[in-house]
C-alpha atoms as a PDB file:
ATOM      1  CA  MET A   1      90.739  40.778  57.815  1.00  0.00           C
ATOM      2  CA  SER A   2      93.521  43.615  57.877  1.00  0.00           C
ATOM      3  CA  ASP A   3      93.061  47.459  57.886  1.00  0.00           C
ATOM      4  CA  SER A   4      93.940  47.670  54.159  1.00  0.00           C
ATOM      5  CA  THR A   5      91.292  45.366  53.200  1.00  0.00           C
ATOM      6  CA  PRO A   6      88.246  47.270  51.841  1.00  0.00           C
ATOM      7  CA  GLY A   7      85.677  44.437  53.137  1.00  0.00           C
ATOM      8  CA  SER A   8      83.085  42.964  51.123  1.00  0.00           C
ATOM      9  CA  ALA A   9      81.208  43.409  48.044  1.00  0.00           C
ATOM     10  CA  LEU A  10      77.887  42.165  47.219  1.00  0.00           C
ATOM     11  CA  ILE A  11      77.072  41.667  43.331  1.00  0.00           C
ATOM     12  CA  LEU A  12      73.050  40.831  42.454  1.00  0.00           C
ATOM     13  CA  GLY A  13      72.296  39.924  39.253  1.00  0.00           C
ATOM     14  CA  VAL A  14      75.332  38.186  37.863  1.00  0.00           C
ATOM     15  CA  GLY A  15      74.037  36.256  34.743  1.00  0.00           C
ATOM     16  CA  SER A  16      77.034  35.387  32.826  1.00  0.00           C
ATOM     17  CA  ALA A  17      80.712  35.756  32.495  1.00  0.00           C
ATOM     18  CA  ARG A  18      80.355  38.606  29.991  1.00  0.00           C
ATOM     19  CA  GLY A  19      77.772  40.734  31.888  1.00  0.00           C
ATOM     20  CA  LEU A  20      77.933  43.926  33.757  1.00  0.00           C
ATOM     21  CA  GLY A  21      77.405  41.905  37.203  1.00  0.00           C
ATOM     22  CA  ALA A  22      80.083  39.892  36.595  1.00  0.00           C
ATOM     23  CA  ALA A  23      82.461  42.984  35.156  1.00  0.00           C
ATOM     24  CA  ALA A  24      81.762  44.594  38.436  1.00  0.00           C
ATOM     25  CA  ALA A  25      82.651  41.747  40.526  1.00  0.00           C
ATOM     26  CA  ARG A  26      86.026  41.533  38.978  1.00  0.00           C
ATOM     27  CA  ALA A  27      86.544  45.118  39.317  1.00  0.00           C
ATOM     28  CA  PHE A  28      85.932  44.946  42.972  1.00  0.00           C
ATOM     29  CA  ALA A  29      87.785  41.523  43.278  1.00  0.00           C
ATOM     30  CA  ALA A  30      90.731  43.165  41.420  1.00  0.00           C
ATOM     31  CA  ALA A  31      90.313  46.209  44.086  1.00  0.00           C
ATOM     32  CA  GLY A  32      90.729  43.722  47.001  1.00  0.00           C
ATOM     33  CA  TYR A  33      87.285  43.272  48.104  1.00  0.00           C
ATOM     34  CA  ARG A  34      86.253  39.833  49.044  1.00  0.00           C
ATOM     35  CA  VAL A  35      83.489  38.963  46.561  1.00  0.00           C
ATOM     36  CA  VAL A  36      79.830  37.252  46.863  1.00  0.00           C
ATOM     37  CA  ILE A  37      78.075  37.313  43.514  1.00  0.00           C
ATOM     38  CA  ALA A  38      74.251  35.939  43.575  1.00  0.00           C
ATOM     39  CA  GLY A  39      71.689  35.138  40.720  1.00  0.00           C
ATOM     40  CA  ARG A  40      69.259  32.518  39.709  1.00  0.00           C
ATOM     41  CA  ASP A  41      71.427  30.212  37.495  1.00  0.00           C
ATOM     42  CA  PRO A  42      74.260  28.387  39.192  1.00  0.00           C
ATOM     43  CA  ASN A  43      76.180  27.483  35.924  1.00  0.00           C
ATOM     44  CA  LYS A  44      76.161  31.235  34.850  1.00  0.00           C
ATOM     45  CA  LEU A  45      77.411  32.338  38.267  1.00  0.00           C
ATOM     46  CA  ALA A  46      80.270  29.338  38.136  1.00  0.00           C
ATOM     47  CA  GLU A  47      81.587  30.489  34.794  1.00  0.00           C
ATOM     48  CA  ALA A  48      81.430  34.339  36.372  1.00  0.00           C
ATOM     49  CA  ALA A  49      83.277  32.967  39.383  1.00  0.00           C
ATOM     50  CA  ARG A  50      85.876  31.618  37.139  1.00  0.00           C
ATOM     51  CA  SER A  51      86.267  34.928  35.254  1.00  0.00           C
ATOM     52  CA  ILE A  52      86.997  36.256  38.571  1.00  0.00           C
ATOM     53  CA  ALA A  53      89.487  33.556  39.282  1.00  0.00           C
ATOM     54  CA  ALA A  54      91.308  34.641  36.164  1.00  0.00           C
ATOM     55  CA  VAL A  55      92.011  38.216  37.908  1.00  0.00           C
ATOM     56  CA  GLY A  56      93.676  36.338  40.966  1.00  0.00           C
ATOM     57  CA  ALA A  57      90.337  36.199  43.206  1.00  0.00           C
ATOM     58  CA  ALA A  58      87.817  34.107  44.281  1.00  0.00           C
ATOM     59  CA  ALA A  59      84.078  34.558  44.433  1.00  0.00           C
ATOM     60  CA  THR A  60      81.383  33.098  46.679  1.00  0.00           C
ATOM     61  CA  ILE A  61      78.665  31.895  45.087  1.00  0.00           C
ATOM     62  CA  GLU A  62      75.036  32.405  46.341  1.00  0.00           C
ATOM     63  CA  VAL A  63      71.821  31.212  44.554  1.00  0.00           C
ATOM     64  CA  GLY A  64      68.481  32.709  44.739  1.00  0.00           C
ATOM     65  CA  ASP A  65      65.780  35.051  43.997  1.00  0.00           C
ATOM     66  CA  VAL A  66      66.541  38.688  44.644  1.00  0.00           C
ATOM     67  CA  SER A  67      62.739  39.089  44.835  1.00  0.00           C
ATOM     68  CA  ARG A  68      62.662  36.928  47.999  1.00  0.00           C
ATOM     69  CA  PRO A  69      63.472  38.968  51.006  1.00  0.00           C
ATOM     70  CA  GLU A  70      64.860  35.721  52.996  1.00  0.00           C
ATOM     71  CA  ASP A  71      67.333  35.101  49.772  1.00  0.00           C
ATOM     72  CA  VAL A  72      68.361  38.697  49.812  1.00  0.00           C
ATOM     73  CA  ALA A  73      68.895  38.557  53.540  1.00  0.00           C
ATOM     74  CA  ARG A  74      71.188  35.564  53.208  1.00  0.00           C
ATOM     75  CA  PHE A  75      73.099  37.498  50.344  1.00  0.00           C
ATOM     76  CA  VAL A  76      74.082  40.145  52.462  1.00  0.00           C
ATOM     77  CA  ALA A  77      74.769  37.858  55.628  1.00  0.00           C
ATOM     78  CA  SER A  78      76.989  35.959  53.106  1.00  0.00           C
ATOM     79  CA  ALA A  79      79.066  38.969  52.380  1.00  0.00           C
ATOM     80  CA  GLU A  80      79.067  40.220  55.884  1.00  0.00           C
ATOM     81  CA  SER A  81      80.442  36.919  56.805  1.00  0.00           C
ATOM     82  CA  LEU A  82      83.790  37.536  54.786  1.00  0.00           C
ATOM     83  CA  GLY A  83      84.101  41.184  56.125  1.00  0.00           C
ATOM     84  CA  PRO A  84      82.219  44.442  56.463  1.00  0.00           C
ATOM     85  CA  LEU A  85      79.709  45.023  53.570  1.00  0.00           C
ATOM     86  CA  GLY A  86      81.386  48.169  51.776  1.00  0.00           C
ATOM     87  CA  VAL A  87      79.507  47.762  48.536  1.00  0.00           C
ATOM     88  CA  ALA A  88      76.596  45.959  47.312  1.00  0.00           C
ATOM     89  CA  VAL A  89      75.164  46.446  43.984  1.00  0.00           C
ATOM     90  CA  HIS A  90      72.000  45.559  42.506  1.00  0.00           C
ATOM     91  CA  ASN A  91      71.936  44.441  38.779  1.00  0.00           C
ATOM     92  CA  ALA A  92      69.576  42.054  38.774  1.00  0.00           C
ATOM     93  CA  GLY A  93      66.655  41.863  36.018  1.00  0.00           C
ATOM     94  CA  GLY A  94      66.235  41.485  32.585  1.00  0.00           C
ATOM     95  CA  ASN A  95      64.669  42.940  29.756  1.00  0.00           C
ATOM     96  CA  ARG A  96      61.870  41.313  27.603  1.00  0.00           C
ATOM     97  CA  PRO A  97      60.501  43.658  24.287  1.00  0.00           C
ATOM     98  CA  SER A  98      56.956  43.056  23.594  1.00  0.00           C
ATOM     99  CA  PRO A  99      54.146  44.967  21.954  1.00  0.00           C
ATOM    100  CA  PHE A 100      52.258  46.632  24.872  1.00  0.00           C
ATOM    101  CA  LEU A 101      48.788  44.843  24.145  1.00  0.00           C
ATOM    102  CA  GLN A 102      50.802  41.382  24.279  1.00  0.00           C
ATOM    103  CA  VAL A 103      52.667  41.947  27.752  1.00  0.00           C
ATOM    104  CA  ASP A 104      51.561  39.318  30.067  1.00  0.00           C
ATOM    105  CA  PRO A 105      50.782  40.766  33.444  1.00  0.00           C
ATOM    106  CA  LYS A 106      52.941  38.180  35.181  1.00  0.00           C
ATOM    107  CA  VAL A 107      55.731  39.268  32.963  1.00  0.00           C
ATOM    108  CA  PHE A 108      55.379  43.160  33.943  1.00  0.00           C
ATOM    109  CA  GLU A 109      55.296  41.473  37.294  1.00  0.00           C
ATOM    110  CA  GLU A 110      58.516  39.963  36.935  1.00  0.00           C
ATOM    111  CA  HIS A 111      60.241  42.858  35.779  1.00  0.00           C
ATOM    112  CA  TRP A 112      59.179  45.126  38.637  1.00  0.00           C
ATOM    113  CA  ARG A 113      60.105  42.503  40.988  1.00  0.00           C
ATOM    114  CA  ALA A 114      63.390  41.685  40.104  1.00  0.00           C
ATOM    115  CA  HIS A 115      64.252  45.643  39.221  1.00  0.00           C
ATOM    116  CA  ALA A 116      62.732  47.476  41.883  1.00  0.00           C
ATOM    117  CA  LEU A 117      61.474  45.156  44.696  1.00  0.00           C
ATOM    118  CA  GLY A 118      65.038  43.440  44.396  1.00  0.00           C
ATOM    119  CA  ALA A 119      66.829  46.814  44.679  1.00  0.00           C
ATOM    120  CA  PHE A 120      64.237  47.722  47.809  1.00  0.00           C
ATOM    121  CA  LEU A 121      65.211  44.500  49.556  1.00  0.00           C
ATOM    122  CA  LEU A 122      68.727  44.798  49.083  1.00  0.00           C
ATOM    123  CA  ALA A 123      68.695  48.647  50.357  1.00  0.00           C
ATOM    124  CA  GLN A 124      67.019  47.484  53.403  1.00  0.00           C
ATOM    125  CA  ALA A 125      69.055  44.145  54.075  1.00  0.00           C
ATOM    126  CA  ALA A 126      72.559  46.156  53.509  1.00  0.00           C
ATOM    127  CA  LEU A 127      71.885  49.722  54.763  1.00  0.00           C
ATOM    128  CA  PRO A 128      71.496  48.755  58.557  1.00  0.00           C
ATOM    129  CA  GLY A 129      75.233  47.586  59.129  1.00  0.00           C
ATOM    130  CA  MET A 130      76.263  50.527  56.501  1.00  0.00           C
ATOM    131  CA  LEU A 131      74.617  52.783  58.593  1.00  0.00           C
ATOM    132  CA  GLU A 132      76.050  51.704  61.905  1.00  0.00           C
ATOM    133  CA  ARG A 133      79.543  51.723  60.595  1.00  0.00           C
ATOM    134  CA  GLN A 134      78.914  54.987  58.769  1.00  0.00           C
ATOM    135  CA  ALA A 135      80.654  53.383  55.652  1.00  0.00           C
ATOM    136  CA  GLY A 136      79.309  51.362  52.450  1.00  0.00           C
ATOM    137  CA  THR A 137      78.022  52.035  49.089  1.00  0.00           C
ATOM    138  CA  LEU A 138      74.871  51.213  47.707  1.00  0.00           C
ATOM    139  CA  VAL A 139      74.829  51.202  43.868  1.00  0.00           C
ATOM    140  CA  PHE A 140      71.733  50.196  41.351  1.00  0.00           C
ATOM    141  CA  THR A 141      72.296  49.923  37.912  1.00  0.00           C
ATOM    142  CA  GLY A 142      69.812  52.120  35.588  1.00  0.00           C
ATOM    143  CA  ALA A 143      68.783  52.345  32.380  1.00  0.00           C
ATOM    144  CA  SER A 144      67.787  55.434  29.692  1.00  0.00           C
ATOM    145  CA  ALA A 145      64.373  53.599  29.982  1.00  0.00           C
ATOM    146  CA  SER A 146      63.819  55.043  33.343  1.00  0.00           C
ATOM    147  CA  LEU A 147      64.021  58.538  31.764  1.00  0.00           C
ATOM    148  CA  ARG A 148      61.962  57.703  28.469  1.00  0.00           C
ATOM    149  CA  GLY A 149      60.116  54.686  27.714  1.00  0.00           C
ATOM    150  CA  ARG A 150      60.239  53.437  24.273  1.00  0.00           C
ATOM    151  CA  ALA A 151      57.914  51.409  22.542  1.00  0.00           C
ATOM    152  CA  ASN A 152      57.867  47.859  23.340  1.00  0.00           C
ATOM    153  CA  PHE A 153      59.532  48.066  26.696  1.00  0.00           C
ATOM    154  CA  SER A 154      56.914  49.050  29.026  1.00  0.00           C
ATOM    155  CA  SER A 155      57.750  46.439  31.525  1.00  0.00           C
ATOM    156  CA  PHE A 156      61.257  47.273  31.590  1.00  0.00           C
ATOM    157  CA  SER A 157      60.655  51.047  31.442  1.00  0.00           C
ATOM    158  CA  ALA A 158      58.243  51.184  34.465  1.00  0.00           C
ATOM    159  CA  ALA A 159      60.256  48.958  36.575  1.00  0.00           C
ATOM    160  CA  LYS A 160      63.500  50.599  35.736  1.00  0.00           C
ATOM    161  CA  ALA A 161      61.813  54.217  36.510  1.00  0.00           C
ATOM    162  CA  ALA A 162      60.606  52.812  40.147  1.00  0.00           C
ATOM    163  CA  LEU A 163      64.266  51.515  40.497  1.00  0.00           C
ATOM    164  CA  ARG A 164      65.312  55.054  39.859  1.00  0.00           C
ATOM    165  CA  MET A 165      62.952  56.773  42.201  1.00  0.00           C
ATOM    166  CA  LEU A 166      63.838  54.483  45.035  1.00  0.00           C
ATOM    167  CA  ALA A 167      67.431  55.536  44.460  1.00  0.00           C
ATOM    168  CA  GLN A 168      66.559  59.018  44.775  1.00  0.00           C
ATOM    169  CA  SER A 169      64.481  58.900  47.860  1.00  0.00           C
ATOM    170  CA  LEU A 170      67.336  56.764  49.593  1.00  0.00           C
ATOM    171  CA  ALA A 171      69.776  59.437  48.627  1.00  0.00           C
ATOM    172  CA  ARG A 172      67.780  62.134  50.276  1.00  0.00           C
END
């Protein structure tokens, strides 16, 4: 790796070529980062990788679950194998609006696991190398739901609020 190469970028939560995760991956790839994209659906990851190739870059695909420590550790190791991890983006987690009294506790937990626990695991896996190098950026994508809950969005709002508080704690 030359001194002009910024290193690697890891984007968790790439769900499709049209989503925010893929857009971030394309931007970092265009800036010269070696990009690793991670998500649960290999077909959607392949679609996103093709969109990254369209900007003249390649992406390494990692399939797994952001709420599993061993998967997140593997994602970070994959990025580090391409060069020092310069940027780690947590964009994982979806949203399934539902009236509160109809929210299945499993759905509530799934939101929390993807948004909050996944970000926690990424921070624990990515920060040691970044701190050692005294370089790197950790990004969590948020939502206005972290500031104000709306009807039918209790699971998403609670998870995004937890993510916001994690980010604030880490920043300090």
